[in-house]
């Protein structure tokens, strides 16, 4: 039976569908240089990116051998903040270590 208060029932009912989109992720990449010590790079990875000593060592070797290594993947604002922290730590310690932010 159709309810007379709602018409004949032949109307089109719109369905509102909300889609949640994941934010775009960005990777923080450490770049190799000839002056930053391996110990300093490990320290940065442990302090800024909360890596375990073993993981920090693995990434440091990757930076050393390949010239670059991914320190972490984050939303844009967090990635930028971490890259800036790397730059400021390196500057304070007298090293030219650089970090870039790239879309993952």
N, C-alpha and C. Protein backbone atom coordinates (compact mmCIF):
# COMPACT_ATOMS: atom_id res chain seq x y z
N UNK A 1 0.83 -1.18 0.00
CA UNK A 1 0.00 0.00 0.00
C UNK A 1 0.87 1.24 0.00
N UNK A 2 0.37 2.24 -0.64
CA UNK A 2 1.11 3.49 -0.65
C UNK A 2 0.50 4.43 0.36
N UNK A 3 1.34 5.21 0.95
CA UNK A 3 0.91 6.17 1.95
C UNK A 3 0.53 7.45 1.23
N UNK A 4 -0.70 7.93 1.37
CA UNK A 4 -1.14 9.12 0.64
C UNK A 4 -0.35 10.37 1.04
N UNK A 5 0.26 10.38 2.19
CA UNK A 5 1.03 11.56 2.58
C UNK A 5 2.33 11.67 1.80
N UNK A 6 2.80 10.58 1.22
CA UNK A 6 4.08 10.59 0.51
C UNK A 6 3.90 10.40 -0.99
N UNK A 7 2.76 10.62 -1.48
CA UNK A 7 2.52 10.51 -2.92
C UNK A 7 2.35 9.07 -3.34
N UNK A 8 2.56 8.82 -4.61
CA UNK A 8 2.31 7.50 -5.17
C UNK A 8 3.46 6.52 -4.93
N UNK A 9 4.57 7.01 -4.41
CA UNK A 9 5.70 6.11 -4.21
C UNK A 9 6.56 6.01 -5.45
N UNK A 10 6.21 6.74 -6.52
CA UNK A 10 6.96 6.66 -7.76
C UNK A 10 8.08 7.69 -7.82
N UNK A 11 8.24 8.47 -6.74
CA UNK A 11 9.29 9.50 -6.73
C UNK A 11 10.68 8.87 -6.66
N UNK A 12 11.64 9.65 -7.04
CA UNK A 12 13.02 9.19 -7.01
C UNK A 12 13.64 9.59 -5.68
N UNK A 13 14.18 8.62 -5.04
CA UNK A 13 14.82 8.87 -3.76
C UNK A 13 16.32 9.02 -4.01
N UNK A 14 16.88 10.13 -3.58
CA UNK A 14 18.32 10.33 -3.77
C UNK A 14 19.07 9.70 -2.61
N UNK A 15 20.12 9.03 -2.98
CA UNK A 15 20.96 8.41 -1.97
C UNK A 15 22.25 9.24 -1.90
N UNK A 16 22.48 9.76 -0.74
CA UNK A 16 23.72 10.52 -0.58
C UNK A 16 24.80 9.57 -0.08
N UNK A 17 25.84 9.51 -0.85
CA UNK A 17 26.92 8.60 -0.50
C UNK A 17 28.17 9.44 -0.24
N UNK A 18 28.71 9.26 0.92
CA UNK A 18 29.93 10.00 1.23
C UNK A 18 31.11 9.05 1.09
N UNK A 19 32.09 9.51 0.37
CA UNK A 19 33.29 8.71 0.19
C UNK A 19 34.43 9.39 0.92
N UNK A 20 35.08 8.62 1.74
CA UNK A 20 36.24 9.15 2.45
C UNK A 20 37.47 8.86 1.60
N UNK A 21 38.23 9.92 1.37
CA UNK A 21 39.46 9.76 0.60
C UNK A 21 40.64 9.80 1.55
N UNK A 22 41.56 8.92 1.32
CA UNK A 22 42.79 8.91 2.10
C UNK A 22 43.61 10.12 1.67
N UNK A 23 44.29 10.77 2.62
CA UNK A 23 45.13 11.90 2.24
C UNK A 23 46.32 11.42 1.41
N UNK A 24 46.81 12.28 0.54
CA UNK A 24 47.99 11.96 -0.24
C UNK A 24 49.17 11.85 0.71
N UNK A 25 49.99 10.83 0.50
CA UNK A 25 51.13 10.62 1.37
C UNK A 25 52.42 11.06 0.69
N UNK A 26 53.34 11.50 1.52
CA UNK A 26 54.63 11.99 1.03
C UNK A 26 55.75 11.29 1.79
N UNK A 27 56.83 11.01 1.09
CA UNK A 27 57.97 10.38 1.74
C UNK A 27 59.06 11.40 2.01
N UNK A 28 59.67 11.25 3.16
CA UNK A 28 60.82 12.08 3.52
C UNK A 28 62.05 11.28 3.12
N UNK A 29 62.86 11.87 2.23
CA UNK A 29 64.03 11.20 1.69
C UNK A 29 65.29 11.89 2.20
N UNK A 30 66.18 11.13 2.80
CA UNK A 30 67.48 11.66 3.23
C UNK A 30 68.45 11.52 2.06
N UNK A 31 69.24 12.58 1.84
CA UNK A 31 70.19 12.58 0.73
C UNK A 31 71.62 12.45 1.26
N UNK A 32 72.40 11.64 0.60
CA UNK A 32 73.78 11.40 1.01
C UNK A 32 74.65 12.63 0.76
N UNK A 33 75.64 12.81 1.61
CA UNK A 33 76.66 13.81 1.40
C UNK A 33 77.98 13.21 1.91
N UNK A 34 79.08 13.90 1.65
CA UNK A 34 80.38 13.36 2.02
C UNK A 34 80.83 13.78 3.41
N UNK A 35 80.01 14.49 4.16
CA UNK A 35 80.45 15.06 5.43
C UNK A 35 79.67 14.59 6.65
N UNK A 36 78.37 14.36 6.52
CA UNK A 36 77.58 13.91 7.66
C UNK A 36 78.03 12.51 8.06
N UNK A 37 78.27 12.32 9.34
CA UNK A 37 78.73 11.00 9.80
C UNK A 37 77.58 10.01 9.82
N UNK A 38 77.94 8.76 9.72
CA UNK A 38 76.93 7.69 9.78
C UNK A 38 76.23 7.72 11.13
N UNK A 39 76.97 8.00 12.18
CA UNK A 39 76.39 8.07 13.52
C UNK A 39 75.35 9.18 13.62
N UNK A 40 75.63 10.33 12.98
CA UNK A 40 74.67 11.43 13.02
C UNK A 40 73.40 11.06 12.26
N UNK A 41 73.54 10.42 11.12
CA UNK A 41 72.36 10.02 10.34
C UNK A 41 71.51 9.03 11.14
N UNK A 42 72.15 8.10 11.82
CA UNK A 42 71.42 7.16 12.67
C UNK A 42 70.70 7.90 13.79
N UNK A 43 71.38 8.87 14.40
CA UNK A 43 70.77 9.67 15.47
C UNK A 43 69.52 10.39 14.96
N UNK A 44 69.61 10.98 13.78
CA UNK A 44 68.46 11.68 13.19
C UNK A 44 67.31 10.71 12.96
N UNK A 45 67.61 9.55 12.42
CA UNK A 45 66.57 8.56 12.14
C UNK A 45 65.89 8.08 13.42
N UNK A 46 66.66 7.92 14.47
CA UNK A 46 66.09 7.47 15.73
C UNK A 46 65.28 8.56 16.42
N UNK A 47 65.80 9.79 16.42
CA UNK A 47 65.14 10.89 17.13
C UNK A 47 63.97 11.50 16.37
N UNK A 48 64.15 11.77 15.10
CA UNK A 48 63.11 12.46 14.33
C UNK A 48 62.05 11.48 13.80
N UNK A 49 62.50 10.30 13.38
CA UNK A 49 61.60 9.36 12.72
C UNK A 49 61.25 8.15 13.60
N UNK A 50 61.72 8.15 14.86
CA UNK A 50 61.43 7.09 15.83
C UNK A 50 61.73 5.69 15.28
N UNK A 51 62.86 5.55 14.60
CA UNK A 51 63.27 4.25 14.07
C UNK A 51 64.05 3.50 15.14
N UNK A 52 63.94 2.20 15.12
CA UNK A 52 64.74 1.37 16.02
C UNK A 52 66.20 1.47 15.57
N UNK A 53 67.15 1.14 16.43
CA UNK A 53 68.55 1.19 16.01
C UNK A 53 68.83 0.35 14.76
N UNK A 54 68.23 -0.83 14.67
CA UNK A 54 68.46 -1.69 13.50
C UNK A 54 67.88 -1.08 12.23
N UNK A 55 66.67 -0.54 12.33
CA UNK A 55 66.04 0.09 11.17
C UNK A 55 66.79 1.36 10.76
N UNK A 56 67.23 2.13 11.75
CA UNK A 56 68.00 3.35 11.46
C UNK A 56 69.30 2.99 10.74
N UNK A 57 69.95 1.94 11.19
CA UNK A 57 71.19 1.51 10.55
C UNK A 57 70.92 1.08 9.10
N UNK A 58 69.86 0.32 8.89
CA UNK A 58 69.50 -0.14 7.53
C UNK A 58 69.27 1.04 6.59
N UNK A 59 68.51 2.03 7.05
CA UNK A 59 68.22 3.20 6.21
C UNK A 59 69.50 4.01 5.97
N UNK A 60 70.33 4.15 7.00
CA UNK A 60 71.58 4.88 6.85
C UNK A 60 72.47 4.23 5.79
N UNK A 61 72.55 2.91 5.80
CA UNK A 61 73.35 2.19 4.79
C UNK A 61 72.76 2.43 3.40
N UNK A 62 71.43 2.42 3.31
CA UNK A 62 70.78 2.67 2.03
C UNK A 62 71.13 4.07 1.52
N UNK A 63 71.13 5.06 2.41
CA UNK A 63 71.51 6.42 2.02
C UNK A 63 72.96 6.44 1.57
N UNK A 64 73.82 5.78 2.31
CA UNK A 64 75.25 5.76 2.01
C UNK A 64 75.54 5.08 0.67
N UNK A 65 74.91 3.95 0.42
CA UNK A 65 75.18 3.17 -0.80
C UNK A 65 74.45 3.72 -2.01
N UNK A 66 73.18 4.08 -1.86
CA UNK A 66 72.35 4.50 -3.00
C UNK A 66 72.27 6.01 -3.19
N UNK A 67 72.76 6.77 -2.22
CA UNK A 67 72.70 8.22 -2.32
C UNK A 67 71.42 8.82 -1.77
N UNK A 68 70.49 7.98 -1.40
CA UNK A 68 69.21 8.44 -0.85
C UNK A 68 68.51 7.28 -0.16
N UNK A 69 67.66 7.61 0.79
CA UNK A 69 66.91 6.59 1.50
C UNK A 69 65.65 7.18 2.11
N UNK A 70 64.58 6.41 2.08
CA UNK A 70 63.30 6.88 2.61
C UNK A 70 63.30 6.71 4.12
N UNK A 71 63.15 7.84 4.82
CA UNK A 71 63.12 7.82 6.28
C UNK A 71 61.72 7.54 6.82
N UNK A 72 60.69 7.91 6.05
CA UNK A 72 59.33 7.68 6.50
C UNK A 72 58.32 8.24 5.50
N UNK A 73 57.06 7.83 5.66
CA UNK A 73 55.97 8.27 4.78
C UNK A 73 54.88 8.86 5.66
N UNK A 74 54.47 10.09 5.34
CA UNK A 74 53.54 10.84 6.19
C UNK A 74 52.63 11.71 5.32
N UNK A 75 51.66 12.34 5.97
CA UNK A 75 50.89 13.38 5.28
C UNK A 75 51.83 14.55 5.03
N UNK A 76 51.44 15.46 4.16
CA UNK A 76 52.33 16.53 3.72
C UNK A 76 52.86 17.38 4.88
N UNK A 77 51.97 17.80 5.76
CA UNK A 77 52.38 18.69 6.84
C UNK A 77 53.39 18.02 7.77
N UNK A 78 53.16 16.77 8.08
CA UNK A 78 54.08 16.04 8.96
C UNK A 78 55.42 15.81 8.25
N UNK A 79 55.37 15.45 6.98
CA UNK A 79 56.60 15.23 6.21
C UNK A 79 57.43 16.51 6.16
N UNK A 80 56.79 17.64 5.90
CA UNK A 80 57.50 18.93 5.86
C UNK A 80 58.13 19.25 7.21
N UNK A 81 57.39 19.03 8.27
CA UNK A 81 57.89 19.31 9.62
C UNK A 81 59.12 18.45 9.92
N UNK A 82 59.06 17.17 9.57
CA UNK A 82 60.19 16.28 9.83
C UNK A 82 61.39 16.65 8.98
N UNK A 83 61.17 17.01 7.73
CA UNK A 83 62.28 17.43 6.86
C UNK A 83 62.93 18.70 7.41
N UNK A 84 62.12 19.64 7.90
CA UNK A 84 62.65 20.86 8.50
C UNK A 84 63.45 20.54 9.76
N UNK A 85 62.98 19.58 10.55
CA UNK A 85 63.69 19.19 11.77
C UNK A 85 65.05 18.59 11.43
N UNK A 86 65.12 17.79 10.37
CA UNK A 86 66.39 17.22 9.92
C UNK A 86 67.36 18.34 9.56
N UNK A 87 66.87 19.31 8.79
CA UNK A 87 67.72 20.43 8.37
C UNK A 87 68.24 21.22 9.57
N UNK A 88 67.37 21.50 10.53
CA UNK A 88 67.80 22.29 11.69
C UNK A 88 68.78 21.50 12.56
N UNK A 89 68.54 20.20 12.75
CA UNK A 89 69.48 19.37 13.52
C UNK A 89 70.84 19.32 12.84
N UNK A 90 70.84 19.16 11.53
CA UNK A 90 72.09 19.09 10.77
C UNK A 90 72.84 20.42 10.86
N UNK A 91 72.12 21.52 10.73
CA UNK A 91 72.75 22.84 10.81
C UNK A 91 73.38 23.05 12.19
N UNK A 92 72.65 22.70 13.23
CA UNK A 92 73.15 22.86 14.60
C UNK A 92 74.39 22.00 14.84
N UNK A 93 74.45 20.81 14.21
CA UNK A 93 75.58 19.90 14.40
C UNK A 93 76.72 20.18 13.42
N UNK A 94 76.48 21.10 12.48
CA UNK A 94 77.52 21.44 11.52
C UNK A 94 77.64 20.48 10.35
N UNK A 95 76.54 19.77 10.03
CA UNK A 95 76.54 18.83 8.92
C UNK A 95 75.61 19.34 7.80
N UNK A 96 75.93 18.97 6.56
CA UNK A 96 75.08 19.40 5.43
C UNK A 96 73.96 18.42 5.07
N UNK A 97 73.59 17.52 5.97
CA UNK A 97 72.55 16.53 5.68
C UNK A 97 71.27 17.23 5.24
N UNK A 98 70.69 16.73 4.16
CA UNK A 98 69.45 17.31 3.63
C UNK A 98 68.37 16.24 3.54
N UNK A 99 67.14 16.70 3.66
CA UNK A 99 65.97 15.83 3.50
C UNK A 99 65.01 16.50 2.53
N UNK A 100 64.46 15.74 1.61
CA UNK A 100 63.47 16.27 0.69
C UNK A 100 62.14 15.58 0.94
N UNK A 101 61.07 16.21 0.47
CA UNK A 101 59.73 15.64 0.57
C UNK A 101 59.24 15.36 -0.84
N UNK A 102 58.86 14.12 -1.08
CA UNK A 102 58.39 13.70 -2.40
C UNK A 102 57.08 12.94 -2.26
N UNK A 103 56.23 13.08 -3.25
CA UNK A 103 54.97 12.34 -3.21
C UNK A 103 55.27 10.84 -3.28
N UNK A 104 54.61 10.10 -2.40
CA UNK A 104 54.87 8.64 -2.32
C UNK A 104 54.18 7.90 -3.44
